[in-house]
Amino acid sequence: MSHSQEEWASGEAYNYAITSDGVVVGSCGLHRRIGRGGLDIGYWLHHAWTGRGLATQAAAALVQAGRGLPGIDRIEIHHDEANPASGAVARRLGFTEIERVRLPEGPDAPGETGVQVRWRLQI
């Protein structure tokens, strides 16, 4: 069984492909990384597919899926402050920015600041 299948079976994470006309252009998922009652949304798109609303559509679908899971009272989106496009996705879907946290380990990738912006939607 793959890692993704194991996470799905245990309820730890629900990962999906993002497709356009049958082509896989990214991935997204709901993850239980923020404590009891919460899910966080992760998403990634190949750079050639950004700016088309696909991340917003995928995140909206994940919000609906999260609302259907028992015991969930909030959904969050976290992103580096150098990624304003992810903040725009959260804003369009009605999330509220709750905090900015400097990560002790610093940036994950070149071009990032190491400051994580956290958005929340109460369910």
PDB file of N, CA and C in Angstrom:
ATOM      1  N   MET A   1       0.855  -1.174   0.000  1.00  0.00           N
ATOM      2  CA  MET A   1       0.000   0.000   0.000  1.00  0.00           C
ATOM      3  C   MET A   1       0.903   1.240   0.000  1.00  0.00           C
ATOM      4  N   SER A   2       0.556   2.224  -0.814  1.00  0.00           N
ATOM      5  CA  SER A   2       1.352   3.451  -0.878  1.00  0.00           C
ATOM      6  C   SER A   2       1.125   4.310   0.368  1.00  0.00           C
ATOM      7  N   HIS A   3       2.045   5.235   0.591  1.00  0.00           N
ATOM      8  CA  HIS A   3       1.932   6.152   1.735  1.00  0.00           C
ATOM      9  C   HIS A   3       0.610   6.915   1.689  1.00  0.00           C
ATOM     10  N   SER A   4       0.250   7.403   0.507  1.00  0.00           N
ATOM     11  CA  SER A   4      -1.007   8.153   0.361  1.00  0.00           C
ATOM     12  C   SER A   4      -2.211   7.268   0.699  1.00  0.00           C
ATOM     13  N   GLN A   5      -2.192   6.021   0.251  1.00  0.00           N
ATOM     14  CA  GLN A   5      -3.293   5.107   0.560  1.00  0.00           C
ATOM     15  C   GLN A   5      -3.371   4.828   2.056  1.00  0.00           C
ATOM     16  N   GLU A   6      -2.215   4.707   2.701  1.00  0.00           N
ATOM     17  CA  GLU A   6      -2.191   4.471   4.148  1.00  0.00           C
ATOM     18  C   GLU A   6      -2.771   5.671   4.891  1.00  0.00           C
ATOM     19  N   GLU A   7      -2.395   6.891   4.466  1.00  0.00           N
ATOM     20  CA  GLU A   7      -2.935   8.091   5.105  1.00  0.00           C
ATOM     21  C   GLU A   7      -4.439   8.191   4.895  1.00  0.00           C
ATOM     22  N   TRP A   8      -4.912   7.862   3.705  1.00  0.00           N
ATOM     23  CA  TRP A   8      -6.340   7.900   3.407  1.00  0.00           C
ATOM     24  C   TRP A   8      -7.070   6.901   4.319  1.00  0.00           C
ATOM     25  N   ALA A   9      -6.549   5.679   4.395  1.00  0.00           N
ATOM     26  CA  ALA A   9      -7.191   4.625   5.198  1.00  0.00           C
ATOM     27  C   ALA A   9      -7.239   4.995   6.681  1.00  0.00           C
ATOM     28  N   SER A  10      -6.199   5.679   7.173  1.00  0.00           N
ATOM     29  CA  SER A  10      -6.156   6.045   8.586  1.00  0.00           C
ATOM     30  C   SER A  10      -6.907   7.340   8.887  1.00  0.00           C
ATOM     31  N   GLY A  11      -7.267   8.093   7.834  1.00  0.00           N
ATOM     32  CA  GLY A  11      -7.934   9.376   8.024  1.00  0.00           C
ATOM     33  C   GLY A  11      -6.975  10.513   8.309  1.00  0.00           C
ATOM     34  N   GLU A  12      -5.662  10.279   8.163  1.00  0.00           N
ATOM     35  CA  GLU A  12      -4.651  11.319   8.414  1.00  0.00           C
ATOM     36  C   GLU A  12      -4.610  12.355   7.300  1.00  0.00           C
ATOM     37  N   ALA A  13      -4.835  11.916   6.067  1.00  0.00           N
ATOM     38  CA  ALA A  13      -4.786  12.842   4.932  1.00  0.00           C
ATOM     39  C   ALA A  13      -5.600  12.269   3.777  1.00  0.00           C
ATOM     40  N   TYR A  14      -6.145  13.182   2.992  1.00  0.00           N
ATOM     41  CA  TYR A  14      -6.934  12.828   1.812  1.00  0.00           C
ATOM     42  C   TYR A  14      -6.337  13.597   0.639  1.00  0.00           C
ATOM     43  N   ASN A  15      -5.580  12.896  -0.198  1.00  0.00           N
ATOM     44  CA  ASN A  15      -4.860  13.528  -1.305  1.00  0.00           C
ATOM     45  C   ASN A  15      -5.567  13.283  -2.634  1.00  0.00           C
ATOM     46  N   TYR A  16      -5.542  14.302  -3.473  1.00  0.00           N
ATOM     47  CA  TYR A  16      -6.205  14.257  -4.774  1.00  0.00           C
ATOM     48  C   TYR A  16      -5.287  14.826  -5.846  1.00  0.00           C
ATOM     49  N   ALA A  17      -5.515  14.405  -7.075  1.00  0.00           N
ATOM     50  CA  ALA A  17      -4.852  15.026  -8.223  1.00  0.00           C
ATOM     51  C   ALA A  17      -5.703  16.198  -8.686  1.00  0.00           C
ATOM     52  N   ILE A  18      -5.056  17.240  -9.174  1.00  0.00           N
ATOM     53  CA  ILE A  18      -5.747  18.339  -9.845  1.00  0.00           C
ATOM     54  C   ILE A  18      -5.542  18.108 -11.333  1.00  0.00           C
ATOM     55  N   THR A  19      -6.640  18.022 -12.071  1.00  0.00           N
ATOM     56  CA  THR A  19      -6.550  17.738 -13.506  1.00  0.00           C
ATOM     57  C   THR A  19      -7.236  18.832 -14.313  1.00  0.00           C
ATOM     58  N   SER A  20      -6.817  18.925 -15.553  1.00  0.00           N
ATOM     59  CA  SER A  20      -7.461  19.816 -16.520  1.00  0.00           C
ATOM     60  C   SER A  20      -7.501  19.071 -17.839  1.00  0.00           C
ATOM     61  N   ASP A  21      -8.700  18.832 -18.331  1.00  0.00           N
ATOM     62  CA  ASP A  21      -8.878  18.066 -19.569  1.00  0.00           C
ATOM     63  C   ASP A  21      -8.139  16.732 -19.528  1.00  0.00           C
ATOM     64  N   GLY A  22      -8.185  16.067 -18.372  1.00  0.00           N
ATOM     65  CA  GLY A  22      -7.592  14.744 -18.228  1.00  0.00           C
ATOM     66  C   GLY A  22      -6.093  14.729 -17.972  1.00  0.00           C
ATOM     67  N   VAL A  23      -5.472  15.886 -17.874  1.00  0.00           N
ATOM     68  CA  VAL A  23      -4.031  15.986 -17.621  1.00  0.00           C
ATOM     69  C   VAL A  23      -3.815  16.354 -16.151  1.00  0.00           C
ATOM     70  N   VAL A  24      -2.938  15.622 -15.467  1.00  0.00           N
ATOM     71  CA  VAL A  24      -2.610  15.954 -14.085  1.00  0.00           C
ATOM     72  C   VAL A  24      -1.716  17.194 -14.093  1.00  0.00           C
ATOM     73  N   VAL A  25      -2.195  18.267 -13.434  1.00  0.00           N
ATOM     74  CA  VAL A  25      -1.469  19.547 -13.430  1.00  0.00           C
ATOM     75  C   VAL A  25      -1.047  19.967 -12.019  1.00  0.00           C
ATOM     76  N   GLY A  26      -1.419  19.168 -11.022  1.00  0.00           N
ATOM     77  CA  GLY A  26      -1.058  19.489  -9.646  1.00  0.00           C
ATOM     78  C   GLY A  26      -1.655  18.496  -8.686  1.00  0.00           C
ATOM     79  N   SER A  27      -1.586  18.834  -7.414  1.00  0.00           N
ATOM     80  CA  SER A  27      -2.161  17.972  -6.385  1.00  0.00           C
ATOM     81  C   SER A  27      -2.683  18.842  -5.245  1.00  0.00           C
ATOM     82  N   CYS A  28      -3.543  18.237  -4.441  1.00  0.00           N
ATOM     83  CA  CYS A  28      -4.098  18.946  -3.300  1.00  0.00           C
ATOM     84  C   CYS A  28      -4.530  17.916  -2.269  1.00  0.00           C
ATOM     85  N   GLY A  29      -4.775  18.390  -1.055  1.00  0.00           N
ATOM     86  CA  GLY A  29      -5.214  17.458  -0.037  1.00  0.00           C
ATOM     87  C   GLY A  29      -5.669  18.131   1.235  1.00  0.00           C
ATOM     88  N   LEU A  30      -6.378  17.363   2.020  1.00  0.00           N
ATOM     89  CA  LEU A  30      -6.785  17.732   3.381  1.00  0.00           C
ATOM     90  C   LEU A  30      -5.908  16.946   4.339  1.00  0.00           C
ATOM     91  N   HIS A  31      -5.350  17.634   5.341  1.00  0.00           N
ATOM     92  CA  HIS A  31      -4.398  17.004   6.244  1.00  0.00           C
ATOM     93  C   HIS A  31      -4.758  17.309   7.701  1.00  0.00           C
ATOM     94  N   ARG A  32      -4.586  16.307   8.536  1.00  0.00           N
ATOM     95  CA  ARG A  32      -4.826  16.481   9.986  1.00  0.00           C
ATOM     96  C   ARG A  32      -3.503  16.817  10.665  1.00  0.00           C
ATOM     97  N   ARG A  33      -3.013  18.034  10.414  1.00  0.00           N
ATOM     98  CA  ARG A  33      -1.727  18.459  10.975  1.00  0.00           C
ATOM     99  C   ARG A  33      -1.866  19.604  11.966  1.00  0.00           C
ATOM    100  N   ILE A  34      -3.080  20.044  12.237  1.00  0.00           N
ATOM    101  CA  ILE A  34      -3.241  21.250  13.061  1.00  0.00           C
ATOM    102  C   ILE A  34      -4.017  20.997  14.346  1.00  0.00           C
ATOM    103  N   GLY A  35      -4.083  19.764  14.753  1.00  0.00           N
ATOM    104  CA  GLY A  35      -4.740  19.457  16.020  1.00  0.00           C
ATOM    105  C   GLY A  35      -6.177  18.992  15.853  1.00  0.00           C
ATOM    106  N   ARG A  36      -6.706  18.537  16.949  1.00  0.00           N
ATOM    107  CA  ARG A  36      -8.065  17.973  17.000  1.00  0.00           C
ATOM    108  C   ARG A  36      -9.085  18.966  16.446  1.00  0.00           C
ATOM    109  N   GLY A  37      -9.967  18.471  15.577  1.00  0.00           N
ATOM    110  CA  GLY A  37     -11.039  19.290  15.023  1.00  0.00           C
ATOM    111  C   GLY A  37     -10.631  20.115  13.818  1.00  0.00           C
ATOM    112  N   GLY A  38      -9.358  20.042  13.432  1.00  0.00           N
ATOM    113  CA  GLY A  38      -8.898  20.880  12.332  1.00  0.00           C
ATOM    114  C   GLY A  38      -8.308  20.099  11.174  1.00  0.00           C
ATOM    115  N   LEU A  39      -8.419  20.684  10.021  1.00  0.00           N
ATOM    116  CA  LEU A  39      -7.785  20.173   8.806  1.00  0.00           C
ATOM    117  C   LEU A  39      -7.053  21.328   8.153  1.00  0.00           C
ATOM    118  N   ASP A  40      -5.933  21.031   7.522  1.00  0.00           N
ATOM    119  CA  ASP A  40      -5.348  22.082   6.704  1.00  0.00           C
ATOM    120  C   ASP A  40      -5.296  21.609   5.263  1.00  0.00           C
ATOM    121  N   ILE A  41      -5.448  22.588   4.390  1.00  0.00           N
ATOM    122  CA  ILE A  41      -5.473  22.348   2.954  1.00  0.00           C
ATOM    123  C   ILE A  41      -4.085  22.626   2.400  1.00  0.00           C
ATOM    124  N   GLY A  42      -3.618  21.692   1.604  1.00  0.00           N
ATOM    125  CA  GLY A  42      -2.391  21.904   0.852  1.00  0.00           C
ATOM    126  C   GLY A  42      -2.699  21.782  -0.624  1.00  0.00           C
ATOM    127  N   TYR A  43      -2.011  22.553  -1.444  1.00  0.00           N
ATOM    128  CA  TYR A  43      -2.190  22.428  -2.896  1.00  0.00           C
ATOM    129  C   TYR A  43      -0.940  22.885  -3.607  1.00  0.00           C
ATOM    130  N   TRP A  44      -0.751  22.337  -4.781  1.00  0.00           N
ATOM    131  CA  TRP A  44       0.399  22.661  -5.616  1.00  0.00           C
ATOM    132  C   TRP A  44      -0.043  22.543  -7.067  1.00  0.00           C
ATOM    133  N   LEU A  45       0.380  23.494  -7.873  1.00  0.00           N
ATOM    134  CA  LEU A  45       0.123  23.454  -9.317  1.00  0.00           C
ATOM    135  C   LEU A  45       1.432  23.621 -10.075  1.00  0.00           C
ATOM    136  N   HIS A  46       1.557  22.918 -11.195  1.00  0.00           N
ATOM    137  CA  HIS A  46       2.680  23.162 -12.090  1.00  0.00           C
ATOM    138  C   HIS A  46       2.586  24.618 -12.534  1.00  0.00           C
ATOM    139  N   HIS A  47       3.713  25.296 -12.605  1.00  0.00           N
ATOM    140  CA  HIS A  47       3.709  26.745 -12.881  1.00  0.00           C
ATOM    141  C   HIS A  47       2.989  27.105 -14.180  1.00  0.00           C
ATOM    142  N   ALA A  48       2.950  26.211 -15.148  1.00  0.00           N
ATOM    143  CA  ALA A  48       2.265  26.505 -16.410  1.00  0.00           C
ATOM    144  C   ALA A  48       0.748  26.559 -16.254  1.00  0.00           C
ATOM    145  N   TRP A  49       0.234  26.106 -15.109  1.00  0.00           N
ATOM    146  CA  TRP A  49      -1.214  26.036 -14.893  1.00  0.00           C
ATOM    147  C   TRP A  49      -1.704  27.017 -13.836  1.00  0.00           C
ATOM    148  N   THR A  50      -0.845  27.888 -13.341  1.00  0.00           N
ATOM    149  CA  THR A  50      -1.285  28.862 -12.349  1.00  0.00           C
ATOM    150  C   THR A  50      -2.046  30.002 -13.023  1.00  0.00           C
ATOM    151  N   GLY A  51      -2.814  30.734 -12.224  1.00  0.00           N
ATOM    152  CA  GLY A  51      -3.544  31.896 -12.734  1.00  0.00           C
ATOM    153  C   GLY A  51      -4.802  31.567 -13.496  1.00  0.00           C
ATOM    154  N   ARG A  52      -5.267  30.336 -13.399  1.00  0.00           N
ATOM    155  CA  ARG A  52      -6.479  29.902 -14.121  1.00  0.00           C
ATOM    156  C   ARG A  52      -7.632  29.562 -13.193  1.00  0.00           C
ATOM    157  N   GLY A  53      -7.448  29.789 -11.905  1.00  0.00           N
ATOM    158  CA  GLY A  53      -8.502  29.490 -10.938  1.00  0.00           C
ATOM    159  C   GLY A  53      -8.540  28.051 -10.467  1.00  0.00           C
ATOM    160  N   LEU A  54      -7.585  27.236 -10.910  1.00  0.00           N
ATOM    161  CA  LEU A  54      -7.609  25.817 -10.541  1.00  0.00           C
ATOM    162  C   LEU A  54      -7.345  25.608  -9.050  1.00  0.00           C
ATOM    163  N   ALA A  55      -6.430  26.366  -8.465  1.00  0.00           N
ATOM    164  CA  ALA A  55      -6.153  26.221  -7.029  1.00  0.00           C
ATOM    165  C   ALA A  55      -7.378  26.617  -6.210  1.00  0.00           C
ATOM    166  N   THR A  56      -8.046  27.681  -6.625  1.00  0.00           N
ATOM    167  CA  THR A  56      -9.255  28.108  -5.908  1.00  0.00           C
ATOM    168  C   THR A  56     -10.345  27.046  -6.029  1.00  0.00           C
ATOM    169  N   GLN A  57     -10.527  26.491  -7.219  1.00  0.00           N
ATOM    170  CA  GLN A  57     -11.539  25.441  -7.401  1.00  0.00           C
ATOM    171  C   GLN A  57     -11.208  24.210  -6.562  1.00  0.00           C
ATOM    172  N   ALA A  58      -9.930  23.818  -6.559  1.00  0.00           N
ATOM    173  CA  ALA A  58      -9.528  22.651  -5.776  1.00  0.00           C
ATOM    174  C   ALA A  58      -9.727  22.900  -4.283  1.00  0.00           C
ATOM    175  N   ALA A  59      -9.310  24.075  -3.805  1.00  0.00           N
ATOM    176  CA  ALA A  59      -9.467  24.393  -2.381  1.00  0.00           C
ATOM    177  C   ALA A  59     -10.944  24.462  -1.996  1.00  0.00           C
ATOM    178  N   ALA A  60     -11.786  25.001  -2.872  1.00  0.00           N
ATOM    179  CA  ALA A  60     -13.229  25.050  -2.591  1.00  0.00           C
ATOM    180  C   ALA A  60     -13.796  23.639  -2.463  1.00  0.00           C
ATOM    181  N   ALA A  61     -13.370  22.739  -3.334  1.00  0.00           N
ATOM    182  CA  ALA A  61     -13.833  21.345  -3.258  1.00  0.00           C
ATOM    183  C   ALA A  61     -13.358  20.688  -1.959  1.00  0.00           C
ATOM    184  N   LEU A  62     -12.131  21.016  -1.537  1.00  0.00           N
ATOM    185  CA  LEU A  62     -11.616  20.458  -0.285  1.00  0.00           C
ATOM    186  C   LEU A  62     -12.376  20.997   0.924  1.00  0.00           C
ATOM    187  N   VAL A  63     -12.756  22.269   0.891  1.00  0.00           N
ATOM    188  CA  VAL A  63     -13.572  22.832   1.979  1.00  0.00           C
ATOM    189  C   VAL A  63     -14.882  22.060   2.075  1.00  0.00           C
ATOM    190  N   GLN A  64     -15.523  21.806   0.945  1.00  0.00           N
ATOM    191  CA  GLN A  64     -16.787  21.052   0.965  1.00  0.00           C
ATOM    192  C   GLN A  64     -16.569  19.647   1.512  1.00  0.00           C
ATOM    193  N   ALA A  65     -15.493  18.988   1.100  1.00  0.00           N
ATOM    194  CA  ALA A  65     -15.201  17.644   1.601  1.00  0.00           C
ATOM    195  C   ALA A  65     -14.939  17.681   3.104  1.00  0.00           C
ATOM    196  N   GLY A  66     -14.192  18.696   3.565  1.00  0.00           N
ATOM    197  CA  GLY A  66     -13.895  18.822   4.992  1.00  0.00           C
ATOM    198  C   GLY A  66     -15.127  19.050   5.831  1.00  0.00           C
ATOM    199  N   ARG A  67     -16.071  19.817   5.282  1.00  0.00           N
ATOM    200  CA  ARG A  67     -17.329  20.055   6.004  1.00  0.00           C
ATOM    201  C   ARG A  67     -18.109  18.760   6.220  1.00  0.00           C
ATOM    202  N   GLY A  68     -17.890  17.782   5.369  1.00  0.00           N
ATOM    203  CA  GLY A  68     -18.607  16.514   5.483  1.00  0.00           C
ATOM    204  C   GLY A  68     -17.972  15.520   6.429  1.00  0.00           C
ATOM    205  N   LEU A  69     -16.807  15.851   6.966  1.00  0.00           N
ATOM    206  CA  LEU A  69     -16.139  14.925   7.883  1.00  0.00           C
ATOM    207  C   LEU A  69     -16.571  15.198   9.316  1.00  0.00           C
ATOM    208  N   PRO A  70     -16.809  14.156  10.104  1.00  0.00           N
ATOM    209  CA  PRO A  70     -17.254  14.352  11.487  1.00  0.00           C
ATOM    210  C   PRO A  70     -16.164  14.974  12.349  1.00  0.00           C
ATOM    211  N   GLY A  71     -16.587  15.836  13.268  1.00  0.00           N
ATOM    212  CA  GLY A  71     -15.684  16.403  14.261  1.00  0.00           C
ATOM    213  C   GLY A  71     -14.810  17.547  13.784  1.00  0.00           C
ATOM    214  N   ILE A  72     -15.033  18.053  12.587  1.00  0.00           N
ATOM    215  CA  ILE A  72     -14.216  19.144  12.055  1.00  0.00           C
ATOM    216  C   ILE A  72     -14.887  20.472  12.374  1.00  0.00           C
ATOM    217  N   ASP A  73     -14.137  21.386  13.021  1.00  0.00           N
ATOM    218  CA  ASP A  73     -14.701  22.701  13.338  1.00  0.00           C
ATOM    219  C   ASP A  73     -13.960  23.850  12.651  1.00  0.00           C
ATOM    220  N   ARG A  74     -12.829  23.522  11.988  1.00  0.00           N
ATOM    221  CA  ARG A  74     -12.082  24.571  11.296  1.00  0.00           C
ATOM    222  C   ARG A  74     -11.221  23.948  10.198  1.00  0.00           C
ATOM    223  N   ILE A  75     -10.975  24.752   9.184  1.00  0.00           N
ATOM    224  CA  ILE A  75     -10.070  24.376   8.098  1.00  0.00           C
ATOM    225  C   ILE A  75      -9.102  25.532   7.915  1.00  0.00           C
ATOM    226  N   GLU A  76      -7.834  25.219   7.706  1.00  0.00           N
ATOM    227  CA  GLU A  76      -6.823  26.255   7.562  1.00  0.00           C
ATOM    228  C   GLU A  76      -6.032  26.095   6.274  1.00  0.00           C
ATOM    229  N   ILE A  77      -5.480  27.202   5.818  1.00  0.00           N
ATOM    230  CA  ILE A  77      -4.513  27.242   4.725  1.00  0.00           C
ATOM    231  C   ILE A  77      -3.283  27.948   5.272  1.00  0.00           C
ATOM    232  N   HIS A  78      -2.109  27.351   5.092  1.00  0.00           N
ATOM    233  CA  HIS A  78      -0.834  27.930   5.528  1.00  0.00           C
ATOM    234  C   HIS A  78       0.045  28.105   4.298  1.00  0.00           C
ATOM    235  N   HIS A  79       0.736  29.249   4.207  1.00  0.00           N
ATOM    236  CA  HIS A  79       1.660  29.466   3.091  1.00  0.00           C
ATOM    237  C   HIS A  79       2.734  30.458   3.501  1.00  0.00           C
ATOM    238  N   ASP A  80       3.848  30.440   2.799  1.00  0.00           N
ATOM    239  CA  ASP A  80       4.902  31.414   3.054  1.00  0.00           C
ATOM    240  C   ASP A  80       4.417  32.783   2.597  1.00  0.00           C
ATOM    241  N   GLU A  81       4.817  33.832   3.312  1.00  0.00           N
ATOM    242  CA  GLU A  81       4.350  35.178   2.966  1.00  0.00           C
ATOM    243  C   GLU A  81       4.840  35.632   1.593  1.00  0.00           C
ATOM    244  N   ALA A  82       5.837  34.967   1.044  1.00  0.00           N
ATOM    245  CA  ALA A  82       6.318  35.296  -0.296  1.00  0.00           C
ATOM    246  C   ALA A  82       5.409  34.724  -1.388  1.00  0.00           C
ATOM    247  N   ASN A  83       4.328  34.059  -0.989  1.00  0.00           N
ATOM    248  CA  ASN A  83       3.393  33.450  -1.938  1.00  0.00           C
ATOM    249  C   ASN A  83       2.019  34.116  -1.805  1.00  0.00           C
ATOM    250  N   PRO A  84       1.875  35.330  -2.318  1.00  0.00           N
ATOM    251  CA  PRO A  84       0.586  36.029  -2.181  1.00  0.00           C
ATOM    252  C   PRO A  84      -0.546  35.355  -2.951  1.00  0.00           C
ATOM    253  N   ALA A  85      -0.239  34.555  -3.955  1.00  0.00           N
ATOM    254  CA  ALA A  85      -1.299  33.867  -4.704  1.00  0.00           C
ATOM    255  C   ALA A  85      -2.065  32.905  -3.793  1.00  0.00           C
ATOM    256  N   SER A  86      -1.362  32.239  -2.883  1.00  0.00           N
ATOM    257  CA  SER A  86      -2.061  31.347  -1.954  1.00  0.00           C
ATOM    258  C   SER A  86      -2.925  32.138  -0.989  1.00  0.00           C
ATOM    259  N   GLY A  87      -2.466  33.309  -0.592  1.00  0.00           N
ATOM    260  CA  GLY A  87      -3.296  34.177   0.244  1.00  0.00           C
ATOM    261  C   GLY A  87      -4.549  34.617  -0.490  1.00  0.00           C
ATOM    262  N   ALA A  88      -4.430  34.859  -1.784  1.00  0.00           N
ATOM    263  CA  ALA A  88      -5.595  35.260  -2.581  1.00  0.00           C
ATOM    264  C   ALA A  88      -6.615  34.124  -2.656  1.00  0.00           C
ATOM    265  N   VAL A  89      -6.141  32.881  -2.753  1.00  0.00           N
ATOM    266  CA  VAL A  89      -7.056  31.731  -2.756  1.00  0.00           C
ATOM    267  C   VAL A  89      -7.835  31.712  -1.444  1.00  0.00           C
ATOM    268  N   ALA A  90      -7.118  31.815  -0.332  1.00  0.00           N
ATOM    269  CA  ALA A  90      -7.773  31.789   0.981  1.00  0.00           C
ATOM    270  C   ALA A  90      -8.787  32.919   1.115  1.00  0.00           C
ATOM    271  N   ARG A  91      -8.407  34.106   0.707  1.00  0.00           N
ATOM    272  CA  ARG A  91      -9.289  35.285   0.801  1.00  0.00           C
ATOM    273  C   ARG A  91     -10.554  35.077  -0.039  1.00  0.00           C
ATOM    274  N   ARG A  92     -10.395  34.590  -1.274  1.00  0.00           N
ATOM    275  CA  ARG A  92     -11.558  34.375  -2.154  1.00  0.00           C
ATOM    276  C   ARG A  92     -12.544  33.379  -1.555  1.00  0.00           C
ATOM    277  N   LEU A  93     -12.051  32.439  -0.764  1.00  0.00           N
ATOM    278  CA  LEU A  93     -12.920  31.406  -0.191  1.00  0.00           C
ATOM    279  C   LEU A  93     -13.459  31.777   1.192  1.00  0.00           C
ATOM    280  N   GLY A  94     -13.183  32.995   1.650  1.00  0.00           N
ATOM    281  CA  GLY A  94     -13.750  33.458   2.912  1.00  0.00           C
ATOM    282  C   GLY A  94     -12.935  33.135   4.149  1.00  0.00           C
ATOM    283  N   PHE A  95     -11.699  32.684   3.978  1.00  0.00           N
ATOM    284  CA  PHE A  95     -10.828  32.439   5.122  1.00  0.00           C
ATOM    285  C   PHE A  95     -10.396  33.785   5.712  1.00  0.00           C
ATOM    286  N   THR A  96     -10.058  33.783   6.998  1.00  0.00           N
ATOM    287  CA  THR A  96      -9.573  34.968   7.695  1.00  0.00           C
ATOM    288  C   THR A  96      -8.124  34.729   8.106  1.00  0.00           C
ATOM    289  N   GLU A  97      -7.264  35.704   7.826  1.00  0.00           N
ATOM    290  CA  GLU A  97      -5.880  35.578   8.285  1.00  0.00           C
ATOM    291  C   GLU A  97      -5.866  35.653   9.803  1.00  0.00           C
ATOM    292  N   ILE A  98      -5.242  34.650  10.435  1.00  0.00           N
ATOM    293  CA  ILE A  98      -5.234  34.602  11.900  1.00  0.00           C
ATOM    294  C   ILE A  98      -3.874  34.921  12.501  1.00  0.00           C
ATOM    295  N   GLU A  99      -2.794  34.657  11.767  1.00  0.00           N
ATOM    296  CA  GLU A  99      -1.475  34.965  12.317  1.00  0.00           C
ATOM    297  C   GLU A  99      -0.392  34.773  11.266  1.00  0.00           C
ATOM    298  N   ARG A 100       0.776  35.332  11.595  1.00  0.00           N
ATOM    299  CA  ARG A 100       2.006  35.130  10.834  1.00  0.00           C
ATOM    300  C   ARG A 100       3.047  34.625  11.819  1.00  0.00           C
ATOM    301  N   VAL A 101       3.667  33.523  11.468  1.00  0.00           N
ATOM    302  CA  VAL A 101       4.593  32.864  12.376  1.00  0.00           C
ATOM    303  C   VAL A 101       5.943  32.683  11.682  1.00  0.00           C
ATOM    304  N   ARG A 102       7.003  33.164  12.323  1.00  0.00           N
ATOM    305  CA  ARG A 102       8.351  32.920  11.803  1.00  0.00           C
ATOM    306  C   ARG A 102       8.729  31.489  12.153  1.00  0.00           C
ATOM    307  N   LEU A 103       8.999  30.678  11.152  1.00  0.00           N
ATOM    308  CA  LEU A 103       9.340  29.281  11.370  1.00  0.00           C
ATOM    309  C   LEU A 103      10.770  29.169  11.904  1.00  0.00           C
ATOM    310  N   PRO A 104      10.974  28.438  12.996  1.00  0.00           N
ATOM    311  CA  PRO A 104      12.307  28.353  13.585  1.00  0.00           C
ATOM    312  C   PRO A 104      13.335  27.727  12.643  1.00  0.00           C
ATOM    313  N   GLU A 105      12.873  26.831  11.763  1.00  0.00           N
ATOM    314  CA  GLU A 105      13.794  26.184  10.824  1.00  0.00           C
ATOM    315  C   GLU A 105      14.045  27.024   9.577  1.00  0.00           C
ATOM    316  N   GLY A 106      13.369  28.158   9.479  1.00  0.00           N
ATOM    317  CA  GLY A 106      13.557  29.057   8.349  1.00  0.00           C
ATOM    318  C   GLY A 106      12.800  28.618   7.114  1.00  0.00           C
ATOM    319  N   PRO A 107      13.121  29.229   5.972  1.00  0.00           N
ATOM    320  CA  PRO A 107      12.394  28.928   4.733  1.00  0.00           C
ATOM    321  C   PRO A 107      12.575  27.470   4.293  1.00  0.00           C
ATOM    322  N   ASP A 108      11.538  26.935   3.641  1.00  0.00           N
ATOM    323  CA  ASP A 108      11.599  25.580   3.088  1.00  0.00           C
ATOM    324  C   ASP A 108      12.238  25.559   1.705  1.00  0.00           C
ATOM    325  N   ALA A 109      12.136  26.657   0.974  1.00  0.00           N
ATOM    326  CA  ALA A 109      12.598  26.672  -0.416  1.00  0.00           C
ATOM    327  C   ALA A 109      13.192  28.040  -0.748  1.00  0.00           C
ATOM    328  N   PRO A 110      14.030  28.093  -1.775  1.00  0.00           N
ATOM    329  CA  PRO A 110      14.550  29.397  -2.211  1.00  0.00           C
ATOM    330  C   PRO A 110      13.403  30.331  -2.573  1.00  0.00           C
ATOM    331  N   GLY A 111      13.562  31.594  -2.244  1.00  0.00           N
ATOM    332  CA  GLY A 111      12.524  32.577  -2.539  1.00  0.00           C
ATOM    333  C   GLY A 111      11.505  32.743  -1.433  1.00  0.00           C
ATOM    334  N   GLU A 112      11.517  31.855  -0.456  1.00  0.00           N
ATOM    335  CA  GLU A 112      10.601  31.985   0.682  1.00  0.00           C
ATOM    336  C   GLU A 112      11.247  32.819   1.774  1.00  0.00           C
ATOM    337  N   THR A 113      10.416  33.320   2.687  1.00  0.00           N
ATOM    338  CA  THR A 113      10.903  34.164   3.779  1.00  0.00           C
ATOM    339  C   THR A 113      11.047  33.417   5.098  1.00  0.00           C
ATOM    340  N   GLY A 114      10.356  32.284   5.221  1.00  0.00           N
ATOM    341  CA  GLY A 114      10.322  31.576   6.495  1.00  0.00           C
ATOM    342  C   GLY A 114       9.261  32.108   7.436  1.00  0.00           C
ATOM    343  N   VAL A 115       8.398  33.004   6.935  1.00  0.00           N
ATOM    344  CA  VAL A 115       7.261  33.497   7.713  1.00  0.00           C
ATOM    345  C   VAL A 115       6.008  32.861   7.120  1.00  0.00           C
ATOM    346  N   GLN A 116       5.333  32.081   7.948  1.00  0.00           N
ATOM    347  CA  GLN A 116       4.137  31.372   7.496  1.00  0.00           C
ATOM    348  C   GLN A 116       2.888  32.196   7.822  1.00  0.00           C
ATOM    349  N   VAL A 117       2.058  32.389   6.805  1.00  0.00           N
ATOM    350  CA  VAL A 117       0.774  33.083   6.977  1.00  0.00           C
ATOM    351  C   VAL A 117      -0.274  31.990   7.163  1.00  0.00           C
ATOM    352  N   ARG A 118      -1.074  32.132   8.195  1.00  0.00           N
ATOM    353  CA  ARG A 118      -2.101  31.124   8.507  1.00  0.00           C
ATOM    354  C   ARG A 118      -3.481  31.748   8.403  1.00  0.00           C
ATOM    355  N   TRP A 119      -4.334  31.071   7.652  1.00  0.00           N
ATOM    356  CA  TRP A 119      -5.721  31.485   7.407  1.00  0.00           C
ATOM    357  C   TRP A 119      -6.653  30.438   7.973  1.00  0.00           C
ATOM    358  N   ARG A 120      -7.825  30.860   8.457  1.00  0.00           N
ATOM    359  CA  ARG A 120      -8.770  29.919   9.061  1.00  0.00           C
ATOM    360  C   ARG A 120     -10.189  30.196   8.556  1.00  0.00           C
ATOM    361  N   LEU A 121     -10.924  29.094   8.389  1.00  0.00           N
ATOM    362  CA  LEU A 121     -12.347  29.128   8.097  1.00  0.00           C
ATOM    363  C   LEU A 121     -13.031  28.281   9.157  1.00  0.00           C
ATOM    364  N   GLN A 122     -13.894  28.905   9.963  1.00  0.00           N
ATOM    365  CA  GLN A 122     -14.653  28.164  10.974  1.00  0.00           C
ATOM    366  C   GLN A 122     -15.783  27.434  10.269  1.00  0.00           C
ATOM    367  N   ILE A 123     -16.000  26.202  10.653  1.00  0.00           N
ATOM    368  CA  ILE A 123     -17.037  25.370  10.034  1.00  0.00           C
ATOM    369  C   ILE A 123     -18.269  25.356  10.923  1.00  0.00           C
TER     370      ILE A 123
END
